[in-house]
Protein backbone atom coordinates (compact mmCIF):
# COMPACT_ATOMS: atom_id res chain seq x y z
CA MET A 1 -11.31 9.03 17.49
CA ASN A 2 -13.41 5.92 16.93
CA GLU A 3 -12.55 2.97 14.68
CA GLN A 4 -14.82 4.15 11.85
CA GLU A 5 -13.08 7.54 11.77
CA LYS A 6 -9.68 5.84 11.79
CA ALA A 7 -10.70 3.60 8.91
CA MET A 8 -11.92 6.60 6.90
CA LEU A 9 -8.65 8.47 7.52
CA LEU A 10 -6.59 5.45 6.57
CA THR A 11 -8.56 5.00 3.35
CA ALA A 12 -8.12 8.67 2.50
CA GLY A 13 -4.42 8.52 3.39
CA HIS A 14 -3.91 5.57 1.10
CA SER A 15 -5.82 6.90 -1.89
CA ARG A 16 -4.68 10.52 -1.64
CA CYS A 17 -1.14 10.11 -0.41
CA LEU A 18 0.37 6.63 -0.53
CA LEU A 19 -1.04 5.48 -3.86
CA PRO A 20 0.09 8.58 -5.81
CA LEU A 21 3.56 8.30 -4.28
CA GLU A 22 3.70 4.58 -5.14
CA ASN A 23 2.77 5.45 -8.72
CA LEU A 24 5.39 8.20 -8.95
CA LEU A 25 8.02 5.84 -7.58
CA GLU A 26 7.05 3.15 -10.08
CA GLN A 27 7.16 5.63 -12.97
CA ALA A 28 10.62 6.77 -11.94
CA ILE A 29 11.80 3.17 -11.71
CA GLN A 30 10.43 2.38 -15.16
CA LYS A 31 12.26 5.41 -16.58
CA GLN A 32 15.37 4.27 -14.68
CA ALA A 33 15.43 7.66 -12.97
CA PHE A 34 16.77 6.15 -9.77
CA ARG A 35 17.67 9.41 -8.02
CA SER A 36 14.12 10.59 -8.52
CA ALA A 37 12.80 7.21 -7.40
CA GLU A 38 14.84 7.46 -4.22
CA CYS A 39 13.32 10.88 -3.50
CA TRP A 40 9.82 9.49 -4.02
CA ARG A 41 10.66 6.61 -1.70
CA TYR A 42 11.61 9.11 1.02
CA GLU A 43 8.35 10.98 0.46
CA TYR A 44 6.47 7.67 0.72
CA ASN A 45 8.25 6.82 3.97
CA GLY A 46 7.32 10.24 5.34
CA ALA A 47 3.67 9.65 4.49
CA LEU A 48 3.84 6.24 6.16
CA LYS A 49 5.42 7.80 9.23
CA MET A 50 2.58 10.30 9.41
CA LEU A 51 0.04 7.47 9.32
CA GLU A 52 1.98 5.67 12.03
CA ALA A 53 2.13 8.82 14.18
CA LEU A 54 -1.63 9.15 13.85
CA ARG A 55 -1.86 5.50 14.96
CA LEU A 56 -3.61 4.53 11.75
CA ILE A 57 -0.96 1.91 10.99
CA SER A 58 1.32 -0.04 13.30
CA ALA A 59 5.09 0.24 13.47
CA GLU A 60 5.25 -3.25 11.96
CA GLU A 61 3.13 -2.17 8.99
CA TYR A 62 5.30 0.91 8.57
CA ASP A 63 8.41 -1.26 8.49
CA ALA A 64 6.90 -3.78 6.07
CA ARG A 65 5.69 -1.17 3.60
CA SER A 66 8.92 0.79 3.81
CA GLU A 67 10.99 -2.33 3.19
CA GLU A 68 8.76 -3.29 0.26
CA MET A 69 9.42 0.05 -1.47
CA LEU A 70 13.15 -0.18 -0.79
CA SER A 71 13.18 -3.70 -2.20
CA ARG A 72 11.39 -2.58 -5.38
CA LEU A 73 13.93 0.17 -5.88
CA LEU A 74 16.95 -2.05 -5.23
CA ARG A 75 15.66 -4.79 -7.53
CA ALA A 76 15.27 -2.24 -10.31
CA GLN A 77 18.69 -0.70 -9.70
CA HIS A 78 20.52 -4.01 -9.42
CA PRO A 79 18.56 -6.68 -11.33
CA GLU A 80 21.70 -8.82 -11.70
CA ASP A 81 21.75 -9.35 -7.93
CA TYR A 82 18.22 -10.76 -7.96
CA GLU A 83 18.32 -12.98 -11.06
CA ASP A 84 18.47 -16.23 -9.06
CA GLU A 85 15.30 -15.36 -7.13
CA THR A 86 13.18 -14.86 -10.24
CA ALA A 87 14.22 -18.10 -11.98
């Protein structure tokens, strides 16, 4: 697989898989449906893992994106623990 094909697959993976899952996670967070949000976060991590397995993203990018989603969820679940950081 050449670099152009990889780039096309990564673009498709983001728009068709990661972005919808990010949106579903965000909607669940806004509704304070944290159990649902956690499920969407696991789905998102699975999609990231697939992209990593296909060598379309690095392990470091997988970790960074996964941690970002976990952080978003934890900040929404426990805003009192993050008040100092936003001031």
